[in-house]
Amino acid sequence: MVVISLTGGDLLHLPFHRYMKPLHVVDRWLSVPIMDGYIENKNKDAILQVGQRSWHVKLLGSPKTSSRHFSAGWSLFASENELKPGNVCIFELINREDTVFKVHVF
C-alpha cells in the first residue's frame, strides 16, 4: 500500500477522493467513506479547508448504518469553490480531534 500526505505533514488518514457528478454539485450532501479508527461514525461538525479558507459542514453518520455524508454546509462549499461535474476532490484528514479535512480540487 502506498501512503502519501499531500500537505507534507504526518499522515493521519489515507486521503479519499470523490469524482464530482452533477448531483454532488447541486445537492446538499456528499457521501464520505467510513473512517473506522479515525472518526467515530456519528453526527458531528467538520471543517473543510481550501487554501486559507474554511467551511463548516455537518458530517452525518450512524453506528447502525455503513453510510456517512457531508450535509449542512456542503452546498455552500461546493458553490464557493465553483465545483463542477468532472472535478475531483481529494479530502485529507489533517486534524482528527476537530475533524478538519484539507481539500484539494482538480
C-alpha atoms as a PDB file:
ATOM      1  CA  MET A   1       0.000   0.000   0.000  1.00  0.00           C
ATOM      2  CA  VAL A   2       1.288   3.451  -0.902  1.00  0.00           C
ATOM      3  CA  VAL A   3       0.595   6.068   1.757  1.00  0.00           C
ATOM      4  CA  ILE A   4       1.079   9.744   0.979  1.00  0.00           C
ATOM      5  CA  SER A   5       0.480  13.050   2.658  1.00  0.00           C
ATOM      6  CA  LEU A   6      -0.423  15.836   0.261  1.00  0.00           C
ATOM      7  CA  THR A   7       0.418  18.519   2.805  1.00  0.00           C
ATOM      8  CA  GLY A   8       3.828  17.074   3.684  1.00  0.00           C
ATOM      9  CA  GLY A   9       2.875  16.549   7.352  1.00  0.00           C
ATOM     10  CA  ASP A  10       2.309  13.381   9.317  1.00  0.00           C
ATOM     11  CA  LEU A  11      -0.355  11.257   7.698  1.00  0.00           C
ATOM     12  CA  LEU A  12      -3.477  10.868   9.803  1.00  0.00           C
ATOM     13  CA  HIS A  13      -5.601   9.036   7.253  1.00  0.00           C
ATOM     14  CA  LEU A  14      -5.131   7.837   3.724  1.00  0.00           C
ATOM     15  CA  PRO A  15      -6.815  10.554   1.662  1.00  0.00           C
ATOM     16  CA  PHE A  16     -10.066   9.708  -0.088  1.00  0.00           C
ATOM     17  CA  HIS A  17     -11.357  11.213  -3.291  1.00  0.00           C
ATOM     18  CA  ARG A  18     -14.700  11.964  -4.849  1.00  0.00           C
ATOM     19  CA  TYR A  19     -15.339  12.473  -8.546  1.00  0.00           C
ATOM     20  CA  MET A  20     -17.936  15.254  -8.754  1.00  0.00           C
ATOM     21  CA  LYS A  21     -21.117  14.208 -10.501  1.00  0.00           C
ATOM     22  CA  PRO A  22     -23.932  16.647 -11.283  1.00  0.00           C
ATOM     23  CA  LEU A  23     -25.835  15.596  -8.155  1.00  0.00           C
ATOM     24  CA  HIS A  24     -22.807  16.376  -5.936  1.00  0.00           C
ATOM     25  CA  VAL A  25     -22.585  19.994  -7.023  1.00  0.00           C
ATOM     26  CA  VAL A  26     -26.300  20.785  -6.726  1.00  0.00           C
ATOM     27  CA  ASP A  27     -27.470  18.505  -3.906  1.00  0.00           C
ATOM     28  CA  ARG A  28     -26.939  19.253  -0.271  1.00  0.00           C
ATOM     29  CA  TRP A  29     -24.790  16.228   0.556  1.00  0.00           C
ATOM     30  CA  LEU A  30     -21.735  14.213  -0.471  1.00  0.00           C
ATOM     31  CA  SER A  31     -21.084  10.619   0.563  1.00  0.00           C
ATOM     32  CA  VAL A  32     -17.979  10.005   2.677  1.00  0.00           C
ATOM     33  CA  PRO A  33     -16.308   6.654   3.417  1.00  0.00           C
ATOM     34  CA  ILE A  34     -16.454   5.139   6.885  1.00  0.00           C
ATOM     35  CA  MET A  35     -13.230   6.005   8.692  1.00  0.00           C
ATOM     36  CA  ASP A  36     -13.178   3.372  11.444  1.00  0.00           C
ATOM     37  CA  GLY A  37     -10.426   4.052  13.920  1.00  0.00           C
ATOM     38  CA  TYR A  38     -10.107   7.687  12.841  1.00  0.00           C
ATOM     39  CA  ILE A  39     -13.521   9.317  13.245  1.00  0.00           C
ATOM     40  CA  GLU A  40     -16.498   7.975  15.180  1.00  0.00           C
ATOM     41  CA  ASN A  41     -19.430   7.013  12.995  1.00  0.00           C
ATOM     42  CA  LYS A  42     -21.867   9.523  14.470  1.00  0.00           C
ATOM     43  CA  ASN A  43     -23.123  13.004  13.648  1.00  0.00           C
ATOM     44  CA  LYS A  44     -20.507  15.693  14.198  1.00  0.00           C
ATOM     45  CA  ASP A  45     -19.226  19.020  12.951  1.00  0.00           C
ATOM     46  CA  ALA A  46     -16.365  19.052  10.452  1.00  0.00           C
ATOM     47  CA  ILE A  47     -14.281  21.704   8.729  1.00  0.00           C
ATOM     48  CA  LEU A  48     -13.258  21.688   5.068  1.00  0.00           C
ATOM     49  CA  GLN A  49     -10.225  23.802   4.153  1.00  0.00           C
ATOM     50  CA  VAL A  50      -9.104  25.002   0.750  1.00  0.00           C
ATOM     51  CA  GLY A  51      -6.068  27.255   0.923  1.00  0.00           C
ATOM     52  CA  GLN A  52      -6.604  29.745   3.745  1.00  0.00           C
ATOM     53  CA  ARG A  53     -10.428  29.478   3.702  1.00  0.00           C
ATOM     54  CA  SER A  54     -12.617  27.169   5.805  1.00  0.00           C
ATOM     55  CA  TRP A  55     -16.210  25.951   5.634  1.00  0.00           C
ATOM     56  CA  HIS A  56     -18.140  24.301   8.449  1.00  0.00           C
ATOM     57  CA  VAL A  57     -20.182  21.274   7.445  1.00  0.00           C
ATOM     58  CA  LYS A  58     -22.114  18.550   9.220  1.00  0.00           C
ATOM     59  CA  LEU A  59     -20.692  15.055   8.934  1.00  0.00           C
ATOM     60  CA  LEU A  60     -23.632  12.713   9.385  1.00  0.00           C
ATOM     61  CA  GLY A  61     -23.272   9.079  10.275  1.00  0.00           C
ATOM     62  CA  SER A  62     -24.803   6.378  12.379  1.00  0.00           C
ATOM     63  CA  PRO A  63     -23.343   3.308  14.060  1.00  0.00           C
ATOM     64  CA  LYS A  64     -26.359   1.402  12.699  1.00  0.00           C
ATOM     65  CA  THR A  65     -25.536   2.116   9.036  1.00  0.00           C
ATOM     66  CA  SER A  66     -22.444   1.969   6.903  1.00  0.00           C
ATOM     67  CA  SER A  67     -23.039   5.337   5.265  1.00  0.00           C
ATOM     68  CA  ARG A  68     -21.708   8.799   6.064  1.00  0.00           C
ATOM     69  CA  HIS A  69     -22.049  12.089   4.287  1.00  0.00           C
ATOM     70  CA  PHE A  70     -21.291  15.782   4.432  1.00  0.00           C
ATOM     71  CA  SER A  71     -24.599  17.585   4.807  1.00  0.00           C
ATOM     72  CA  ALA A  72     -25.400  21.113   6.026  1.00  0.00           C
ATOM     73  CA  GLY A  73     -22.740  23.427   4.629  1.00  0.00           C
ATOM     74  CA  TRP A  74     -21.765  21.155   1.723  1.00  0.00           C
ATOM     75  CA  SER A  75     -23.742  23.106  -0.894  1.00  0.00           C
ATOM     76  CA  LEU A  76     -22.104  26.386   0.194  1.00  0.00           C
ATOM     77  CA  PHE A  77     -18.665  24.738  -0.005  1.00  0.00           C
ATOM     78  CA  ALA A  78     -19.434  23.384  -3.488  1.00  0.00           C
ATOM     79  CA  SER A  79     -20.783  26.732  -4.688  1.00  0.00           C
ATOM     80  CA  GLU A  80     -17.988  28.912  -3.308  1.00  0.00           C
ATOM     81  CA  ASN A  81     -15.339  26.573  -4.719  1.00  0.00           C
ATOM     82  CA  GLU A  82     -17.145  26.555  -8.064  1.00  0.00           C
ATOM     83  CA  LEU A  83     -17.225  22.761  -8.172  1.00  0.00           C
ATOM     84  CA  LYS A  84     -18.391  21.365 -11.469  1.00  0.00           C
ATOM     85  CA  PRO A  85     -19.162  17.870 -12.717  1.00  0.00           C
ATOM     86  CA  GLY A  86     -15.871  16.250 -13.625  1.00  0.00           C
ATOM     87  CA  ASN A  87     -13.844  17.896 -10.856  1.00  0.00           C
ATOM     88  CA  VAL A  88     -12.044  15.567  -8.471  1.00  0.00           C
ATOM     89  CA  CYS A  89     -11.788  16.465  -4.791  1.00  0.00           C
ATOM     90  CA  ILE A  90      -9.234  14.816  -2.529  1.00  0.00           C
ATOM     91  CA  PHE A  91     -10.042  15.011   1.180  1.00  0.00           C
ATOM     92  CA  GLU A  92      -7.143  14.640   3.603  1.00  0.00           C
ATOM     93  CA  LEU A  93      -7.876  14.362   7.311  1.00  0.00           C
ATOM     94  CA  ILE A  94      -5.388  16.750   8.929  1.00  0.00           C
ATOM     95  CA  ASN A  95      -6.898  17.039  12.416  1.00  0.00           C
ATOM     96  CA  ARG A  96      -8.793  14.119  13.938  1.00  0.00           C
ATOM     97  CA  GLU A  97      -9.787  15.925  17.137  1.00  0.00           C
ATOM     98  CA  ASP A  98     -11.512  18.820  15.345  1.00  0.00           C
ATOM     99  CA  THR A  99     -12.390  16.773  12.217  1.00  0.00           C
ATOM    100  CA  VAL A 100     -10.590  19.030   9.751  1.00  0.00           C
ATOM    101  CA  PHE A 101     -10.104  17.999   6.137  1.00  0.00           C
ATOM    102  CA  LYS A 102      -7.750  19.743   3.735  1.00  0.00           C
ATOM    103  CA  VAL A 103      -9.462  19.593   0.342  1.00  0.00           C
ATOM    104  CA  HIS A 104      -7.602  19.582  -2.977  1.00  0.00           C
ATOM    105  CA  VAL A 105      -9.734  20.359  -6.036  1.00  0.00           C
ATOM    106  CA  PHE A 106      -8.676  19.256  -9.527  1.00  0.00           C
END
